[in-house]
N, C-alpha and C. Protein backbone atom coordinates (compact mmCIF):
# COMPACT_ATOMS: atom_id res chain seq x y z
N MET A 1 15.73 -14.84 17.35
CA MET A 1 15.74 -15.87 15.94
C MET A 1 15.36 -14.74 14.84
N PRO A 2 16.32 -14.64 14.01
CA PRO A 2 15.63 -13.87 12.91
C PRO A 2 14.60 -14.34 12.25
N GLN A 3 13.59 -13.12 11.69
CA GLN A 3 12.70 -13.35 10.80
C GLN A 3 12.44 -12.85 9.56
N THR A 4 12.12 -13.88 8.72
CA THR A 4 12.39 -13.64 7.25
C THR A 4 11.07 -12.88 6.86
N ASN A 5 11.08 -12.10 6.11
CA ASN A 5 9.48 -11.56 5.46
C ASN A 5 9.61 -11.50 4.09
N PHE A 6 9.15 -12.46 3.66
CA PHE A 6 8.73 -12.78 1.88
C PHE A 6 7.90 -11.31 1.62
N GLY A 7 8.30 -11.01 0.71
CA GLY A 7 7.10 -9.97 -0.31
C GLY A 7 6.43 -10.90 -1.04
N SER A 8 5.22 -10.34 -1.60
CA SER A 8 4.38 -11.25 -2.14
C SER A 8 4.88 -11.62 -3.57
N GLU A 9 5.61 -10.66 -3.86
CA GLU A 9 6.16 -11.10 -5.48
C GLU A 9 7.33 -12.21 -5.15
N MET A 10 7.98 -12.44 -4.34
CA MET A 10 8.79 -13.58 -3.83
C MET A 10 7.80 -14.95 -3.60
N LEU A 11 6.89 -14.85 -2.89
CA LEU A 11 6.02 -15.94 -3.04
C LEU A 11 5.62 -16.43 -4.22
N TRP A 12 4.72 -15.16 -5.19
CA TRP A 12 4.98 -15.66 -6.27
C TRP A 12 5.52 -16.41 -7.34
N LEU A 13 6.93 -15.79 -7.02
CA LEU A 13 7.86 -16.19 -7.78
C LEU A 13 8.31 -17.94 -7.37
N ILE A 14 8.14 -18.12 -6.25
CA ILE A 14 8.42 -19.73 -5.84
C ILE A 14 7.16 -20.41 -6.11
N ILE A 15 6.06 -19.91 -6.07
CA ILE A 15 4.61 -20.68 -6.55
C ILE A 15 5.00 -20.90 -7.76
N VAL A 16 5.16 -20.06 -9.27
CA VAL A 16 5.47 -20.25 -10.02
C VAL A 16 6.54 -20.87 -10.62
N ALA A 17 7.62 -21.21 -9.90
CA ALA A 17 8.87 -21.88 -10.16
C ALA A 17 8.29 -23.22 -9.74
N ALA A 18 7.75 -23.47 -8.75
CA ALA A 18 7.45 -24.93 -8.18
C ALA A 18 6.39 -25.50 -9.04
N GLY A 19 5.52 -24.72 -9.76
CA GLY A 19 4.52 -25.33 -10.77
C GLY A 19 5.06 -25.38 -12.09
N LEU A 20 6.09 -24.42 -12.56
CA LEU A 20 6.70 -24.84 -13.97
C LEU A 20 7.96 -25.84 -13.50
N GLY A 21 8.39 -26.37 -12.32
CA GLY A 21 9.17 -27.48 -12.18
C GLY A 21 8.45 -28.42 -12.47
N THR A 22 7.45 -28.61 -11.72
CA THR A 22 6.55 -29.79 -11.67
C THR A 22 6.14 -30.27 -13.30
N TYR A 23 5.55 -29.34 -14.05
CA TYR A 23 5.64 -29.35 -15.45
C TYR A 23 6.53 -29.93 -16.14
N LEU A 24 7.43 -29.51 -15.87
CA LEU A 24 8.91 -29.88 -16.92
C LEU A 24 8.98 -31.16 -16.43
N ILE A 25 8.95 -31.35 -15.17
CA ILE A 25 9.40 -33.12 -14.99
C ILE A 25 8.17 -34.03 -15.58
N ARG A 26 6.98 -33.58 -15.39
CA ARG A 26 5.80 -34.41 -16.30
C ARG A 26 5.88 -34.66 -17.80
N LEU A 27 6.16 -33.34 -17.98
CA LEU A 27 6.31 -33.03 -19.78
C LEU A 27 7.45 -33.95 -20.10
N SER A 28 8.82 -34.01 -19.41
CA SER A 28 9.82 -34.82 -20.06
C SER A 28 9.63 -36.15 -20.08
N PHE A 29 8.93 -36.84 -18.99
CA PHE A 29 8.65 -38.54 -19.34
C PHE A 29 7.63 -38.50 -20.68
N ILE A 30 6.51 -37.67 -20.71
CA ILE A 30 6.12 -37.92 -21.73
C ILE A 30 6.43 -37.40 -23.11
N ALA A 31 7.46 -36.77 -23.13
CA ALA A 31 8.18 -36.64 -24.26
C ALA A 31 8.80 -37.34 -24.57
N PHE A 32 9.54 -38.09 -23.59
CA PHE A 32 10.23 -39.21 -23.44
C PHE A 32 9.91 -40.42 -23.80
N PHE A 33 8.62 -40.81 -23.46
CA PHE A 33 7.96 -42.37 -23.74
C PHE A 33 7.25 -41.95 -25.42
N GLY A 34 7.01 -40.25 -25.42
CA GLY A 34 6.73 -40.37 -26.81
C GLY A 34 7.31 -40.73 -28.12
N ARG A 35 8.68 -40.53 -27.97
CA ARG A 35 9.88 -40.52 -28.70
C ARG A 35 9.90 -42.47 -29.15
N LEU A 36 9.43 -43.09 -27.96
CA LEU A 36 9.73 -44.57 -27.88
C LEU A 36 8.74 -45.04 -28.55
N ASP A 37 9.31 -46.25 -29.86
CA ASP A 37 7.61 -47.09 -30.38
C ASP A 37 7.20 -47.77 -29.41
N ASP A 38 8.08 -48.38 -28.57
CA ASP A 38 7.42 -49.64 -27.66
C ASP A 38 8.40 -49.26 -26.30
N ILE A 39 7.23 -49.21 -25.43
CA ILE A 39 7.75 -48.97 -24.12
C ILE A 39 8.53 -50.29 -23.38
N PRO A 40 9.65 -50.40 -22.66
CA PRO A 40 10.10 -51.57 -22.33
C PRO A 40 9.45 -52.50 -21.30
N GLU A 41 9.34 -53.70 -21.36
CA GLU A 41 8.79 -54.44 -20.74
C GLU A 41 8.55 -54.42 -19.01
N ARG A 42 9.92 -54.30 -18.55
CA ARG A 42 10.72 -53.72 -17.29
C ARG A 42 9.96 -52.48 -16.99
N VAL A 43 9.99 -51.36 -17.98
CA VAL A 43 9.30 -50.34 -17.28
C VAL A 43 7.62 -50.31 -17.22
N GLU A 44 7.06 -51.15 -18.10
CA GLU A 44 5.77 -51.49 -17.85
C GLU A 44 5.31 -52.00 -16.45
N GLN A 45 6.25 -53.10 -16.20
CA GLN A 45 6.00 -53.74 -14.74
C GLN A 45 6.34 -52.91 -13.86
N ALA A 46 7.02 -52.19 -13.77
CA ALA A 46 7.45 -50.93 -12.73
C ALA A 46 6.44 -49.95 -12.57
N LEU A 47 6.24 -49.53 -13.80
CA LEU A 47 4.76 -48.31 -13.76
C LEU A 47 3.52 -49.08 -13.02
N ARG A 48 3.20 -50.41 -13.33
CA ARG A 48 2.21 -51.14 -12.80
C ARG A 48 1.86 -50.74 -11.05
N PHE A 49 2.88 -50.49 -10.41
CA PHE A 49 2.90 -50.51 -8.86
C PHE A 49 2.91 -49.26 -8.72
N VAL A 50 2.93 -47.80 -9.79
CA VAL A 50 2.83 -46.55 -9.21
C VAL A 50 1.44 -46.13 -8.35
N PRO A 51 0.33 -46.53 -9.11
CA PRO A 51 -0.83 -46.28 -8.18
C PRO A 51 -0.93 -46.75 -7.24
N ALA A 52 -0.43 -48.01 -6.84
CA ALA A 52 -0.67 -48.64 -5.33
C ALA A 52 -0.01 -47.89 -4.38
N ALA A 53 1.30 -47.54 -4.86
CA ALA A 53 2.57 -46.71 -3.99
C ALA A 53 2.15 -45.38 -3.53
N VAL A 54 1.53 -44.54 -4.67
CA VAL A 54 1.00 -43.44 -4.23
C VAL A 54 -0.22 -43.39 -3.65
N LEU A 55 -1.03 -44.26 -3.73
CA LEU A 55 -2.32 -44.38 -2.67
C LEU A 55 -2.11 -44.70 -1.11
N SER A 56 -1.07 -45.75 -1.22
CA SER A 56 -0.65 -46.09 0.13
C SER A 56 0.41 -44.96 0.83
N ALA A 57 1.11 -44.04 0.00
CA ALA A 57 1.81 -42.88 0.59
C ALA A 57 0.72 -41.79 1.35
N LEU A 58 -0.39 -42.04 0.56
CA LEU A 58 -1.41 -40.98 0.84
C LEU A 58 -2.27 -41.40 2.19
N VAL A 59 -2.63 -42.68 2.01
CA VAL A 59 -3.43 -43.37 2.99
C VAL A 59 -3.04 -43.67 4.22
N VAL A 60 -1.79 -44.56 4.29
CA VAL A 60 -1.41 -45.02 5.69
C VAL A 60 -0.83 -43.92 6.43
N PRO A 61 -0.54 -42.97 6.21
CA PRO A 61 0.20 -41.99 7.35
C PRO A 61 -1.49 -41.35 8.14
N GLN A 62 -2.76 -41.64 7.48
CA GLN A 62 -3.87 -41.25 8.22
C GLN A 62 -4.36 -42.32 9.07
N PHE A 63 -3.86 -43.52 9.09
CA PHE A 63 -4.13 -44.93 9.70
C PHE A 63 -3.26 -44.58 11.30
N VAL A 64 -1.76 -44.45 10.78
CA VAL A 64 -0.74 -44.75 12.20
C VAL A 64 -0.43 -43.22 12.52
N TYR A 65 -0.85 -42.58 12.01
CA TYR A 65 -0.50 -41.11 12.90
C TYR A 65 -1.84 -40.85 13.52
N ALA A 66 -1.80 -40.28 14.72
CA ALA A 66 -2.48 -39.38 15.53
C ALA A 66 -1.85 -38.11 16.29
N ASP A 67 -2.19 -37.18 16.38
CA ASP A 67 -1.84 -35.84 17.09
C ASP A 67 -0.54 -35.74 16.87
N GLY A 68 0.53 -36.00 15.46
CA GLY A 68 2.04 -36.09 15.41
C GLY A 68 2.71 -37.17 15.54
N ALA A 69 2.34 -38.12 16.10
CA ALA A 69 2.95 -39.30 16.58
C ALA A 69 2.43 -40.35 16.27
N ILE A 70 3.43 -41.85 16.20
CA ILE A 70 2.68 -42.87 15.70
C ILE A 70 1.87 -43.55 16.74
N ALA A 71 0.60 -43.90 16.32
CA ALA A 71 -0.27 -44.27 17.29
C ALA A 71 -0.59 -45.81 16.68
N LEU A 72 -0.06 -46.92 16.87
CA LEU A 72 -0.27 -48.46 16.83
C LEU A 72 -0.74 -48.76 18.18
N SER A 73 -1.75 -48.25 18.53
CA SER A 73 -2.45 -48.92 19.76
C SER A 73 -4.14 -48.95 19.41
N ALA A 74 -4.67 -49.57 20.78
CA ALA A 74 -5.82 -49.59 20.78
C ALA A 74 -6.66 -48.60 20.71
N ASP A 75 -6.59 -47.51 20.93
CA ASP A 75 -6.97 -46.09 21.28
C ASP A 75 -7.23 -45.48 19.74
N ASN A 76 -6.69 -46.11 18.94
CA ASN A 76 -6.62 -45.45 17.53
C ASN A 76 -7.83 -46.55 16.84
N LEU A 77 -8.77 -45.96 16.54
CA LEU A 77 -10.06 -46.26 16.03
C LEU A 77 -10.02 -46.32 14.30
N ARG A 78 -9.32 -45.28 13.72
CA ARG A 78 -9.00 -45.75 12.49
C ARG A 78 -8.01 -46.56 11.96
N LEU A 79 -7.26 -47.09 13.10
CA LEU A 79 -6.54 -48.20 12.51
C LEU A 79 -7.38 -49.20 12.35
N PHE A 80 -8.18 -49.86 13.39
CA PHE A 80 -9.31 -50.80 12.91
C PHE A 80 -10.08 -50.76 12.24
N ALA A 81 -10.62 -49.46 11.52
CA ALA A 81 -11.60 -49.40 10.95
C ALA A 81 -10.78 -49.38 9.38
N GLY A 82 -9.36 -49.07 9.28
CA GLY A 82 -8.66 -49.10 7.96
C GLY A 82 -8.66 -50.60 7.71
N GLY A 83 -8.30 -51.52 8.69
CA GLY A 83 -7.98 -52.77 8.67
C GLY A 83 -9.03 -53.50 8.35
N LEU A 84 -10.63 -53.29 8.66
CA LEU A 84 -11.58 -53.75 8.11
C LEU A 84 -11.79 -53.72 7.15
N ALA A 85 -11.48 -52.15 6.54
CA ALA A 85 -11.71 -51.77 5.13
C ALA A 85 -10.93 -52.55 4.03
N ILE A 86 -9.49 -53.05 4.30
CA ILE A 86 -8.55 -53.52 3.88
C ILE A 86 -9.15 -54.96 3.25
N LEU A 87 -9.49 -55.75 4.52
CA LEU A 87 -9.95 -57.05 4.54
C LEU A 87 -11.26 -57.13 3.09
N VAL A 88 -11.99 -56.47 3.23
CA VAL A 88 -12.91 -56.01 2.71
C VAL A 88 -12.60 -55.94 1.00
N ALA A 89 -11.50 -55.27 1.37
CA ALA A 89 -11.01 -54.72 -0.21
C ALA A 89 -10.34 -56.17 -0.74
N TRP A 90 -9.73 -56.68 -0.01
CA TRP A 90 -8.97 -57.99 -0.49
C TRP A 90 -10.20 -59.31 -1.05
N LYS A 91 -10.98 -59.25 -0.38
CA LYS A 91 -12.17 -60.41 -0.43
C LYS A 91 -13.15 -59.82 -1.03
N THR A 92 -13.69 -58.76 -1.21
CA THR A 92 -14.83 -58.57 -2.40
C THR A 92 -14.17 -57.54 -3.45
N GLU A 93 -13.10 -57.07 -3.54
CA GLU A 93 -12.36 -56.21 -4.93
C GLU A 93 -13.55 -55.28 -5.39
N ASP A 94 -14.37 -54.54 -4.51
CA ASP A 94 -15.55 -53.94 -4.68
C ASP A 94 -15.39 -52.60 -4.04
N ILE A 95 -14.93 -51.31 -4.74
CA ILE A 95 -14.88 -49.92 -3.78
C ILE A 95 -16.13 -49.81 -3.11
N LEU A 96 -17.32 -49.96 -3.36
CA LEU A 96 -18.00 -49.48 -2.64
C LEU A 96 -18.18 -50.34 -1.13
N ALA A 97 -18.14 -51.52 -1.54
CA ALA A 97 -18.15 -52.32 -0.19
C ALA A 97 -16.94 -52.12 0.73
N THR A 98 -16.12 -51.77 0.00
CA THR A 98 -14.92 -51.40 0.98
C THR A 98 -15.21 -49.96 1.78
N LEU A 99 -15.82 -49.14 0.77
CA LEU A 99 -15.80 -47.59 1.34
C LEU A 99 -17.07 -47.80 2.65
N VAL A 100 -17.86 -48.61 2.26
CA VAL A 100 -19.11 -48.45 3.51
C VAL A 100 -18.88 -49.33 4.52
N ALA A 101 -17.85 -50.56 4.34
CA ALA A 101 -17.43 -51.43 5.43
C ALA A 101 -16.57 -50.61 6.10
N GLY A 102 -15.55 -49.68 5.69
CA GLY A 102 -14.80 -49.00 6.10
C GLY A 102 -15.25 -47.62 7.31
N MET A 103 -16.06 -46.71 6.36
CA MET A 103 -16.57 -45.41 7.08
C MET A 103 -17.79 -45.92 7.91
N GLY A 104 -18.29 -47.37 7.81
CA GLY A 104 -19.24 -47.45 8.79
C GLY A 104 -18.61 -48.20 10.05
N ALA A 105 -17.47 -48.70 9.76
CA ALA A 105 -16.81 -49.06 11.06
C ALA A 105 -16.25 -48.06 12.01
N LEU A 106 -15.68 -47.27 11.01
CA LEU A 106 -15.25 -45.82 11.76
C LEU A 106 -16.28 -45.08 12.58
N TRP A 107 -17.15 -44.84 11.83
CA TRP A 107 -18.82 -44.50 12.86
C TRP A 107 -19.09 -45.03 13.96
N LEU A 108 -19.12 -46.80 13.83
CA LEU A 108 -19.54 -47.23 14.66
C LEU A 108 -18.45 -47.31 16.07
N LEU A 109 -17.33 -47.71 15.25
CA LEU A 109 -16.23 -47.41 16.58
C LEU A 109 -16.39 -46.00 17.44
N SER A 110 -16.63 -44.87 16.73
CA SER A 110 -16.36 -43.74 17.10
C SER A 110 -17.95 -43.43 18.02
N PHE A 111 -18.95 -44.06 17.66
CA PHE A 111 -19.86 -44.09 18.28
C PHE A 111 -19.87 -44.68 19.86
N LEU A 112 -19.20 -45.93 19.85
CA LEU A 112 -19.12 -46.80 20.59
C LEU A 112 -18.15 -46.25 21.81
N PHE A 113 -16.91 -46.02 21.33
CA PHE A 113 -15.84 -45.50 21.96
C PHE A 113 -15.23 -44.09 22.12
N GLY A 114 -15.94 -43.57 21.00
CA GLY A 114 -15.06 -42.25 21.13
C GLY A 114 -15.70 -40.93 21.89
């Protein structure tokens, strides 16, 4: 198998290009919406879902994956603790209560079954 050997210059060029590309994409939205007097209602409605979608994309894999494979079994303690945290968040709408319930459940389950 051929081995590629990137020099440090190439690595820095890739990092700078990725950073610049990300910056320009974000700047394009700021510049576009800055030219509008009023953001269309449908766009505002769609943008309300972005934080929940991003948070879900970051958190859900931690619940359902273990050791690189999907783990939807009784051995996955994080799944149970996350489920309890979701219930507490839904019922109380309190971030601190959600964190305490989720982490407390994970620690307790790990102590008992881990």
